[in-house]
Amino acid sequence: MVKWTFKYITVYPPKNVLDIGIRNGASTNLIRKHFPTNTIYGIDCSSTAVEEARKRNRDDVIIKQEKIEETDLPTNFLNWYLLPKRIFIGKNWINPFLK
């Protein structure tokens, strides 16, 4: 899914990316490799997933254990949200979940 998404990024290039439900961090790692200078965030509610994702990703990837509806990430800096099997561009879709 992440590789498929990259073809749209040239149309809507992101500055910041939030990867939701990162599991073992494989998708987050691909995003980081594709955008080495962008800010990449990854969240998952599973402590096991977060632990695995931190092992797989560089230190500059911000990985947090939390639910999307409880996140403290502000909306004004997020450009891309990646969810399993879906892609949402822009902040309007996720605003109800963010403070």
PDB file of N, CA and C in Angstrom:
ATOM      1  N   MET A   1       0.824  -1.186   0.000  1.00  0.00           N
ATOM      2  CA  MET A   1       0.000   0.000   0.000  1.00  0.00           C
ATOM      3  C   MET A   1       0.872   1.255   0.000  1.00  0.00           C
ATOM      4  N   VAL A   2       1.926   1.250   0.796  1.00  0.00           N
ATOM      5  CA  VAL A   2       2.775   2.433   0.877  1.00  0.00           C
ATOM      6  C   VAL A   2       3.448   2.711  -0.463  1.00  0.00           C
ATOM      7  N   LYS A   3       3.961   1.685  -1.119  1.00  0.00           N
ATOM      8  CA  LYS A   3       4.603   1.876  -2.424  1.00  0.00           C
ATOM      9  C   LYS A   3       3.610   2.437  -3.437  1.00  0.00           C
ATOM     10  N   TRP A   4       2.375   1.964  -3.413  1.00  0.00           N
ATOM     11  CA  TRP A   4       1.320   2.457  -4.300  1.00  0.00           C
ATOM     12  C   TRP A   4       1.075   3.938  -4.037  1.00  0.00           C
ATOM     13  N   THR A   5       1.131   4.331  -2.790  1.00  0.00           N
ATOM     14  CA  THR A   5       0.871   5.709  -2.396  1.00  0.00           C
ATOM     15  C   THR A   5       1.897   6.680  -2.957  1.00  0.00           C
ATOM     16  N   PHE A   6       3.138   6.234  -3.092  1.00  0.00           N
ATOM     17  CA  PHE A   6       4.200   7.134  -3.531  1.00  0.00           C
ATOM     18  C   PHE A   6       3.926   7.777  -4.884  1.00  0.00           C
ATOM     19  N   LYS A   7       3.160   7.134  -5.744  1.00  0.00           N
ATOM     20  CA  LYS A   7       2.887   7.746  -7.048  1.00  0.00           C
ATOM     21  C   LYS A   7       2.034   9.005  -6.922  1.00  0.00           C
ATOM     22  N   TYR A   8       1.277   9.157  -5.836  1.00  0.00           N
ATOM     23  CA  TYR A   8       0.448  10.342  -5.617  1.00  0.00           C
ATOM     24  C   TYR A   8       1.206  11.461  -4.913  1.00  0.00           C
ATOM     25  N   ILE A   9       2.298  11.129  -4.314  1.00  0.00           N
ATOM     26  CA  ILE A   9       3.013  12.110  -3.518  1.00  0.00           C
ATOM     27  C   ILE A   9       3.642  13.195  -4.382  1.00  0.00           C
ATOM     28  N   THR A  10       3.942  12.914  -5.622  1.00  0.00           N
ATOM     29  CA  THR A  10       4.473  13.964  -6.491  1.00  0.00           C
ATOM     30  C   THR A  10       3.407  15.011  -6.795  1.00  0.00           C
ATOM     31  N   VAL A  11       2.148  14.622  -6.720  1.00  0.00           N
ATOM     32  CA  VAL A  11       1.046  15.557  -6.933  1.00  0.00           C
ATOM     33  C   VAL A  11       0.811  16.384  -5.674  1.00  0.00           C
ATOM     34  N   TYR A  12       0.851  15.743  -4.511  1.00  0.00           N
ATOM     35  CA  TYR A  12       0.640  16.385  -3.214  1.00  0.00           C
ATOM     36  C   TYR A  12       1.832  16.074  -2.308  1.00  0.00           C
ATOM     37  N   PRO A  13       2.970  16.711  -2.525  1.00  0.00           N
ATOM     38  CA  PRO A  13       4.149  16.348  -1.733  1.00  0.00           C
ATOM     39  C   PRO A  13       3.957  16.690  -0.252  1.00  0.00           C
ATOM     40  N   PRO A  14       4.253  15.751   0.631  1.00  0.00           N
ATOM     41  CA  PRO A  14       4.057  15.998   2.057  1.00  0.00           C
ATOM     42  C   PRO A  14       5.254  16.687   2.692  1.00  0.00           C
ATOM     43  N   LYS A  15       5.003  17.394   3.755  1.00  0.00           N
ATOM     44  CA  LYS A  15       6.076  17.914   4.593  1.00  0.00           C
ATOM     45  C   LYS A  15       6.184  17.022   5.829  1.00  0.00           C
ATOM     46  N   ASN A  16       5.044  16.594   6.322  1.00  0.00           N
ATOM     47  CA  ASN A  16       4.966  15.733   7.501  1.00  0.00           C
ATOM     48  C   ASN A  16       4.013  14.585   7.204  1.00  0.00           C
ATOM     49  N   VAL A  17       4.335  13.410   7.718  1.00  0.00           N
ATOM     50  CA  VAL A  17       3.513  12.228   7.473  1.00  0.00           C
ATOM     51  C   VAL A  17       3.211  11.552   8.799  1.00  0.00           C
ATOM     52  N   LEU A  18       1.945  11.185   8.998  1.00  0.00           N
ATOM     53  CA  LEU A  18       1.531  10.403  10.163  1.00  0.00           C
ATOM     54  C   LEU A  18       1.109   9.030   9.675  1.00  0.00           C
ATOM     55  N   ASP A  19       1.824   8.003  10.117  1.00  0.00           N
ATOM     56  CA  ASP A  19       1.514   6.613   9.782  1.00  0.00           C
ATOM     57  C   ASP A  19       0.747   6.031  10.965  1.00  0.00           C
ATOM     58  N   ILE A  20      -0.516   5.695  10.749  1.00  0.00           N
ATOM     59  CA  ILE A  20      -1.399   5.222  11.823  1.00  0.00           C
ATOM     60  C   ILE A  20      -1.507   3.710  11.756  1.00  0.00           C
ATOM     61  N   GLY A  21      -1.315   3.059  12.907  1.00  0.00           N
ATOM     62  CA  GLY A  21      -1.362   1.601  12.951  1.00  0.00           C
ATOM     63  C   GLY A  21      -0.098   1.015  12.345  1.00  0.00           C
ATOM     64  N   ILE A  22       1.060   1.368  12.885  1.00  0.00           N
ATOM     65  CA  ILE A  22       2.344   1.050  12.256  1.00  0.00           C
ATOM     66  C   ILE A  22       2.775  -0.403  12.386  1.00  0.00           C
ATOM     67  N   ARG A  23       2.169  -1.141  13.256  1.00  0.00           N
ATOM     68  CA  ARG A  23       2.528  -2.553  13.477  1.00  0.00           C
ATOM     69  C   ARG A  23       4.030  -2.687  13.701  1.00  0.00           C
ATOM     70  N   ASN A  24       4.740  -3.366  12.835  1.00  0.00           N
ATOM     71  CA  ASN A  24       6.182  -3.566  13.060  1.00  0.00           C
ATOM     72  C   ASN A  24       7.043  -2.442  12.479  1.00  0.00           C
ATOM     73  N   GLY A  25       6.438  -1.424  11.927  1.00  0.00           N
ATOM     74  CA  GLY A  25       7.170  -0.264  11.422  1.00  0.00           C
ATOM     75  C   GLY A  25       7.696  -0.384  10.007  1.00  0.00           C
ATOM     76  N   ALA A  26       7.332  -1.448   9.297  1.00  0.00           N
ATOM     77  CA  ALA A  26       7.823  -1.630   7.924  1.00  0.00           C
ATOM     78  C   ALA A  26       7.370  -0.491   7.012  1.00  0.00           C
ATOM     79  N   SER A  27       6.101  -0.119   7.096  1.00  0.00           N
ATOM     80  CA  SER A  27       5.599   0.964   6.242  1.00  0.00           C
ATOM     81  C   SER A  27       6.243   2.290   6.626  1.00  0.00           C
ATOM     82  N   THR A  28       6.422   2.501   7.917  1.00  0.00           N
ATOM     83  CA  THR A  28       7.049   3.726   8.394  1.00  0.00           C
ATOM     84  C   THR A  28       8.485   3.818   7.878  1.00  0.00           C
ATOM     85  N   ASN A  29       9.174   2.702   7.870  1.00  0.00           N
ATOM     86  CA  ASN A  29      10.546   2.651   7.369  1.00  0.00           C
ATOM     87  C   ASN A  29      10.603   2.977   5.871  1.00  0.00           C
ATOM     88  N   LEU A  30       9.666   2.459   5.091  1.00  0.00           N
ATOM     89  CA  LEU A  30       9.608   2.778   3.657  1.00  0.00           C
ATOM     90  C   LEU A  30       9.358   4.271   3.433  1.00  0.00           C
ATOM     91  N   ILE A  31       8.478   4.823   4.234  1.00  0.00           N
ATOM     92  CA  ILE A  31       8.183   6.256   4.126  1.00  0.00           C
ATOM     93  C   ILE A  31       9.447   7.062   4.417  1.00  0.00           C
ATOM     94  N   ARG A  32      10.143   6.702   5.475  1.00  0.00           N
ATOM     95  CA  ARG A  32      11.379   7.404   5.846  1.00  0.00           C
ATOM     96  C   ARG A  32      12.416   7.315   4.718  1.00  0.00           C
ATOM     97  N   LYS A  33      12.552   6.149   4.116  1.00  0.00           N
ATOM     98  CA  LYS A  33      13.521   5.990   3.022  1.00  0.00           C
ATOM     99  C   LYS A  33      13.141   6.851   1.819  1.00  0.00           C
ATOM    100  N   HIS A  34      11.852   6.981   1.572  1.00  0.00           N
ATOM    101  CA  HIS A  34      11.381   7.776   0.436  1.00  0.00           C
ATOM    102  C   HIS A  34      11.494   9.277   0.708  1.00  0.00           C
ATOM    103  N   PHE A  35      11.355   9.659   1.976  1.00  0.00           N
ATOM    104  CA  PHE A  35      11.398  11.069   2.381  1.00  0.00           C
ATOM    105  C   PHE A  35      12.409  11.260   3.507  1.00  0.00           C
ATOM    106  N   PRO A  36      13.691  11.214   3.210  1.00  0.00           N
ATOM    107  CA  PRO A  36      14.705  11.265   4.264  1.00  0.00           C
ATOM    108  C   PRO A  36      14.781  12.589   5.021  1.00  0.00           C
ATOM    109  N   THR A  37      14.247  13.666   4.464  1.00  0.00           N
ATOM    110  CA  THR A  37      14.332  14.961   5.149  1.00  0.00           C
ATOM    111  C   THR A  37      13.001  15.408   5.749  1.00  0.00           C
ATOM    112  N   ASN A  38      11.945  14.643   5.551  1.00  0.00           N
ATOM    113  CA  ASN A  38      10.633  15.009   6.074  1.00  0.00           C
ATOM    114  C   ASN A  38      10.468  14.509   7.508  1.00  0.00           C
ATOM    115  N   THR A  39       9.480  15.052   8.201  1.00  0.00           N
ATOM    116  CA  THR A  39       9.169  14.601   9.548  1.00  0.00           C
ATOM    117  C   THR A  39       8.161  13.467   9.453  1.00  0.00           C
ATOM    118  N   ILE A  40       8.523  12.312  10.012  1.00  0.00           N
ATOM    119  CA  ILE A  40       7.682  11.127   9.951  1.00  0.00           C
ATOM    120  C   ILE A  40       7.260  10.753  11.365  1.00  0.00           C
ATOM    121  N   TYR A  41       5.955  10.573  11.546  1.00  0.00           N
ATOM    122  CA  TYR A  41       5.386  10.145  12.823  1.00  0.00           C
ATOM    123  C   TYR A  41       4.711   8.798  12.619  1.00  0.00           C
ATOM    124  N   GLY A  42       4.820   7.933  13.600  1.00  0.00           N
ATOM    125  CA  GLY A  42       4.127   6.655  13.561  1.00  0.00           C
ATOM    126  C   GLY A  42       3.469   6.398  14.898  1.00  0.00           C
ATOM    127  N   ILE A  43       2.199   5.969  14.868  1.00  0.00           N
ATOM    128  CA  ILE A  43       1.523   5.643  16.123  1.00  0.00           C
ATOM    129  C   ILE A  43       0.848   4.280  16.015  1.00  0.00           C
ATOM    130  N   ASP A  44       0.761   3.619  17.158  1.00  0.00           N
ATOM    131  CA  ASP A  44       0.057   2.348  17.272  1.00  0.00           C
ATOM    132  C   ASP A  44      -0.341   2.207  18.733  1.00  0.00           C
ATOM    133  N   CYS A  45      -1.463   1.554  18.987  1.00  0.00           N
ATOM    134  CA  CYS A  45      -1.915   1.376  20.367  1.00  0.00           C
ATOM    135  C   CYS A  45      -1.227   0.187  21.046  1.00  0.00           C
ATOM    136  N   SER A  46      -0.526  -0.631  20.295  1.00  0.00           N
ATOM    137  CA  SER A  46       0.133  -1.827  20.832  1.00  0.00           C
ATOM    138  C   SER A  46       1.564  -1.518  21.263  1.00  0.00           C
ATOM    139  N   SER A  47       1.897  -1.856  22.500  1.00  0.00           N
ATOM    140  CA  SER A  47       3.269  -1.646  22.974  1.00  0.00           C
ATOM    141  C   SER A  47       4.252  -2.541  22.226  1.00  0.00           C
ATOM    142  N   THR A  48       3.828  -3.746  21.873  1.00  0.00           N
ATOM    143  CA  THR A  48       4.680  -4.659  21.107  1.00  0.00           C
ATOM    144  C   THR A  48       4.984  -4.079  19.732  1.00  0.00           C
ATOM    145  N   ALA A  49       3.966  -3.548  19.075  1.00  0.00           N
ATOM    146  CA  ALA A  49       4.152  -2.943  17.753  1.00  0.00           C
ATOM    147  C   ALA A  49       5.114  -1.761  17.825  1.00  0.00           C
ATOM    148  N   VAL A  50       4.935  -0.924  18.811  1.00  0.00           N
ATOM    149  CA  VAL A  50       5.789   0.254  18.968  1.00  0.00           C
ATOM    150  C   VAL A  50       7.240  -0.164  19.216  1.00  0.00           C
ATOM    151  N   GLU A  51       7.432  -1.168  20.046  1.00  0.00           N
ATOM    152  CA  GLU A  51       8.782  -1.669  20.329  1.00  0.00           C
ATOM    153  C   GLU A  51       9.456  -2.182  19.050  1.00  0.00           C
ATOM    154  N   GLU A  52       8.725  -2.954  18.267  1.00  0.00           N
ATOM    155  CA  GLU A  52       9.266  -3.484  17.006  1.00  0.00           C
ATOM    156  C   GLU A  52       9.542  -2.362  16.002  1.00  0.00           C
ATOM    157  N   ALA A  53       8.635  -1.412  15.930  1.00  0.00           N
ATOM    158  CA  ALA A  53       8.808  -0.295  14.995  1.00  0.00           C
ATOM    159  C   ALA A  53      10.029   0.543  15.359  1.00  0.00           C
ATOM    160  N   ARG A  54      10.271   0.739  16.633  1.00  0.00           N
ATOM    161  CA  ARG A  54      11.448   1.510  17.059  1.00  0.00           C
ATOM    162  C   ARG A  54      12.743   0.793  16.698  1.00  0.00           C
ATOM    163  N   LYS A  55      12.740  -0.527  16.763  1.00  0.00           N
ATOM    164  CA  LYS A  55      13.927  -1.301  16.376  1.00  0.00           C
ATOM    165  C   LYS A  55      14.209  -1.159  14.883  1.00  0.00           C
ATOM    166  N   ARG A  56      13.162  -1.078  14.091  1.00  0.00           N
ATOM    167  CA  ARG A  56      13.283  -1.086  12.633  1.00  0.00           C
ATOM    168  C   ARG A  56      13.583   0.292  12.052  1.00  0.00           C
ATOM    169  N   ASN A  57      13.256   1.348  12.750  1.00  0.00           N
ATOM    170  CA  ASN A  57      13.341   2.701  12.200  1.00  0.00           C
ATOM    171  C   ASN A  57      14.464   3.512  12.827  1.00  0.00           C
ATOM    172  N   ARG A  58      14.873   4.551  12.093  1.00  0.00           N
ATOM    173  CA  ARG A  58      15.904   5.464  12.581  1.00  0.00           C
ATOM    174  C   ARG A  58      15.371   6.270  13.758  1.00  0.00           C
ATOM    175  N   ASP A  59      16.301   6.858  14.500  1.00  0.00           N
ATOM    176  CA  ASP A  59      15.932   7.644  15.676  1.00  0.00           C
ATOM    177  C   ASP A  59      15.143   8.900  15.338  1.00  0.00           C
ATOM    178  N   ASP A  60      15.262   9.393  14.112  1.00  0.00           N
ATOM    179  CA  ASP A  60      14.551  10.624  13.762  1.00  0.00           C
ATOM    180  C   ASP A  60      13.091  10.387  13.375  1.00  0.00           C
ATOM    181  N   VAL A  61      12.641   9.140  13.376  1.00  0.00           N
ATOM    182  CA  VAL A  61      11.221   8.836  13.176  1.00  0.00           C
ATOM    183  C   VAL A  61      10.565   8.883  14.553  1.00  0.00           C
ATOM    184  N   ILE A  62       9.522   9.669  14.679  1.00  0.00           N
ATOM    185  CA  ILE A  62       8.851   9.835  15.969  1.00  0.00           C
ATOM    186  C   ILE A  62       7.771   8.767  16.087  1.00  0.00           C
ATOM    187  N   ILE A  63       7.977   7.821  17.000  1.00  0.00           N
ATOM    188  CA  ILE A  63       7.054   6.700  17.175  1.00  0.00           C
ATOM    189  C   ILE A  63       6.461   6.776  18.574  1.00  0.00           C
ATOM    190  N   LYS A  64       5.126   6.726  18.625  1.00  0.00           N
ATOM    191  CA  LYS A  64       4.426   6.854  19.902  1.00  0.00           C
ATOM    192  C   LYS A  64       3.406   5.738  20.067  1.00  0.00           C
ATOM    193  N   GLN A  65       3.251   5.294  21.303  1.00  0.00           N
ATOM    194  CA  GLN A  65       2.192   4.341  21.609  1.00  0.00           C
ATOM    195  C   GLN A  65       0.986   5.144  22.086  1.00  0.00           C
ATOM    196  N   GLU A  66      -0.051   5.155  21.254  1.00  0.00           N
ATOM    197  CA  GLU A  66      -1.279   5.850  21.609  1.00  0.00           C
ATOM    198  C   GLU A  66      -2.362   5.530  20.590  1.00  0.00           C
ATOM    199  N   LYS A  67      -3.571   5.822  20.980  1.00  0.00           N
ATOM    200  CA  LYS A  67      -4.710   5.677  20.070  1.00  0.00           C
ATOM    201  C   LYS A  67      -4.888   7.000  19.334  1.00  0.00           C
ATOM    202  N   ILE A  68      -5.354   6.918  18.105  1.00  0.00           N
ATOM    203  CA  ILE A  68      -5.505   8.139  17.311  1.00  0.00           C
ATOM    204  C   ILE A  68      -6.465   9.125  17.969  1.00  0.00           C
ATOM    205  N   GLU A  69      -7.499   8.612  18.618  1.00  0.00           N
ATOM    206  CA  GLU A  69      -8.458   9.518  19.252  1.00  0.00           C
ATOM    207  C   GLU A  69      -7.919  10.140  20.531  1.00  0.00           C
ATOM    208  N   GLU A  70      -6.763   9.682  20.999  1.00  0.00           N
ATOM    209  CA  GLU A  70      -6.159  10.231  22.215  1.00  0.00           C
ATOM    210  C   GLU A  70      -4.826  10.929  21.947  1.00  0.00           C
ATOM    211  N   THR A  71      -4.443  11.066  20.695  1.00  0.00           N
ATOM    212  CA  THR A  71      -3.137  11.645  20.382  1.00  0.00           C
ATOM    213  C   THR A  71      -3.069  13.124  20.740  1.00  0.00           C
ATOM    214  N   ASP A  72      -1.876  13.560  21.073  1.00  0.00           N
ATOM    215  CA  ASP A  72      -1.668  14.979  21.357  1.00  0.00           C
ATOM    216  C   ASP A  72      -0.981  15.694  20.190  1.00  0.00           C
ATOM    217  N   LEU A  73      -0.894  15.017  19.043  1.00  0.00           N
ATOM    218  CA  LEU A  73      -0.294  15.645  17.870  1.00  0.00           C
ATOM    219  C   LEU A  73      -1.205  16.755  17.349  1.00  0.00           C
ATOM    220  N   PRO A  74      -0.662  17.943  17.112  1.00  0.00           N
ATOM    221  CA  PRO A  74      -1.495  19.031  16.588  1.00  0.00           C
ATOM    222  C   PRO A  74      -1.858  18.806  15.127  1.00  0.00           C
ATOM    223  N   THR A  75      -2.955  19.369  14.704  1.00  0.00           N
ATOM    224  CA  THR A  75      -3.428  19.178  13.330  1.00  0.00           C
ATOM    225  C   THR A  75      -2.751  20.099  12.334  1.00  0.00           C
ATOM    226  N   ASN A  76      -2.233  21.201  12.766  1.00  0.00           N
ATOM    227  CA  ASN A  76      -1.764  22.215  11.819  1.00  0.00           C
ATOM    228  C   ASN A  76      -0.465  21.871  11.099  1.00  0.00           C
ATOM    229  N   PHE A  77       0.185  20.757  11.439  1.00  0.00           N
ATOM    230  CA  PHE A  77       1.429  20.437  10.764  1.00  0.00           C
ATOM    231  C   PHE A  77       1.383  19.128   9.985  1.00  0.00           C
ATOM    232  N   LEU A  78       0.282  18.406  10.044  1.00  0.00           N
ATOM    233  CA  LEU A  78       0.197  17.114   9.370  1.00  0.00           C
ATOM    234  C   LEU A  78      -0.316  17.274   7.944  1.00  0.00           C
ATOM    235  N   ASN A  79       0.369  16.631   6.991  1.00  0.00           N
ATOM    236  CA  ASN A  79      -0.015  16.700   5.590  1.00  0.00           C
ATOM    237  C   ASN A  79      -0.564  15.388   5.060  1.00  0.00           C
ATOM    238  N   TRP A  80      -0.015  14.267   5.510  1.00  0.00           N
ATOM    239  CA  TRP A  80      -0.431  12.946   5.028  1.00  0.00           C
ATOM    240  C   TRP A  80      -0.745  12.049   6.213  1.00  0.00           C
ATOM    241  N   TYR A  81      -1.792  11.251   6.066  1.00  0.00           N
ATOM    242  CA  TYR A  81      -2.169  10.254   7.072  1.00  0.00           C
ATOM    243  C   TYR A  81      -2.243   8.925   6.354  1.00  0.00           C
ATOM    244  N   LEU A  82      -1.517   7.951   6.806  1.00  0.00           N
ATOM    245  CA  LEU A  82      -1.532   6.635   6.179  1.00  0.00           C
ATOM    246  C   LEU A  82      -2.175   5.635   7.122  1.00  0.00           C
ATOM    247  N   LEU A  83      -3.217   5.004   6.641  1.00  0.00           N
ATOM    248  CA  LEU A  83      -3.928   3.968   7.381  1.00  0.00           C
ATOM    249  C   LEU A  83      -3.919   2.710   6.533  1.00  0.00           C
ATOM    250  N   PRO A  84      -3.999   1.549   7.174  1.00  0.00           N
ATOM    251  CA  PRO A  84      -4.019   0.318   6.368  1.00  0.00           C
ATOM    252  C   PRO A  84      -5.111   0.355   5.301  1.00  0.00           C
ATOM    253  N   LYS A  85      -4.718   0.123   4.045  1.00  0.00           N
ATOM    254  CA  LYS A  85      -5.606   0.014   2.893  1.00  0.00           C
ATOM    255  C   LYS A  85      -6.336   1.305   2.539  1.00  0.00           C
ATOM    256  N   ARG A  86      -5.931   2.429   3.136  1.00  0.00           N
ATOM    257  CA  ARG A  86      -6.581   3.704   2.824  1.00  0.00           C
ATOM    258  C   ARG A  86      -5.537   4.804   2.799  1.00  0.00           C
ATOM    259  N   ILE A  87      -5.848   5.840   2.088  1.00  0.00           N
ATOM    260  CA  ILE A  87      -4.976   7.014   2.081  1.00  0.00           C
ATOM    261  C   ILE A  87      -5.856   8.259   2.186  1.00  0.00           C
ATOM    262  N   PHE A  88      -5.460   9.159   3.048  1.00  0.00           N
ATOM    263  CA  PHE A  88      -6.202  10.393   3.235  1.00  0.00           C
ATOM    264  C   PHE A  88      -5.220  11.547   3.106  1.00  0.00           C
ATOM    265  N   ILE A  89      -5.539  12.502   2.265  1.00  0.00           N
ATOM    266  CA  ILE A  89      -4.668  13.643   2.045  1.00  0.00           C
ATOM    267  C   ILE A  89      -5.333  14.863   2.664  1.00  0.00           C
ATOM    268  N   GLY A  90      -4.585  15.574   3.468  1.00  0.00           N
ATOM    269  CA  GLY A  90      -5.102  16.769   4.110  1.00  0.00           C
ATOM    270  C   GLY A  90      -5.521  16.500   5.533  1.00  0.00           C
ATOM    271  N   LYS A  91      -5.783  17.565   6.278  1.00  0.00           N
ATOM    272  CA  LYS A  91      -6.063  17.403   7.696  1.00  0.00           C
ATOM    273  C   LYS A  91      -7.547  17.296   8.025  1.00  0.00           C
ATOM    274  N   ASN A  92      -8.426  17.548   7.090  1.00  0.00           N
ATOM    275  CA  ASN A  92      -9.847  17.585   7.417  1.00  0.00           C
ATOM    276  C   ASN A  92     -10.403  16.261   7.910  1.00  0.00           C
ATOM    277  N   TRP A  93      -9.947  15.156   7.325  1.00  0.00           N
ATOM    278  CA  TRP A  93     -10.505  13.863   7.731  1.00  0.00           C
ATOM    279  C   TRP A  93     -10.200  13.552   9.176  1.00  0.00           C
ATOM    280  N   ILE A  94      -9.013  13.883   9.629  1.00  0.00           N
ATOM    281  CA  ILE A  94      -8.572  13.444  10.939  1.00  0.00           C
ATOM    282  C   ILE A  94      -8.813  14.471  12.041  1.00  0.00           C
ATOM    283  N   ASN A  95      -9.196  15.686  11.689  1.00  0.00           N
ATOM    284  CA  ASN A  95      -9.409  16.718  12.691  1.00  0.00           C
ATOM    285  C   ASN A  95     -10.282  16.299  13.863  1.00  0.00           C
ATOM    286  N   PRO A  96     -11.373  15.564  13.654  1.00  0.00           N
ATOM    287  CA  PRO A  96     -12.192  15.194  14.802  1.00  0.00           C
ATOM    288  C   PRO A  96     -11.441  14.370  15.843  1.00  0.00           C
ATOM    289  N   PHE A  97     -10.368  13.691  15.440  1.00  0.00           N
ATOM    290  CA  PHE A  97      -9.633  12.849  16.371  1.00  0.00           C
ATOM    291  C   PHE A  97      -8.502  13.573  17.073  1.00  0.00           C
ATOM    292  N   LEU A  98      -8.069  14.689  16.531  1.00  0.00           N
ATOM    293  CA  LEU A  98      -6.930  15.407  17.083  1.00  0.00           C
ATOM    294  C   LEU A  98      -7.386  16.624  17.855  1.00  0.00           C
ATOM    295  N   LYS A  99      -6.631  16.961  18.855  1.00  0.00           N
ATOM    296  CA  LYS A  99      -6.963  18.106  19.705  1.00  0.00           C
ATOM    297  C   LYS A  99      -6.496  19.389  19.076  1.00  0.00           C
TER     298      LYS A  99
END
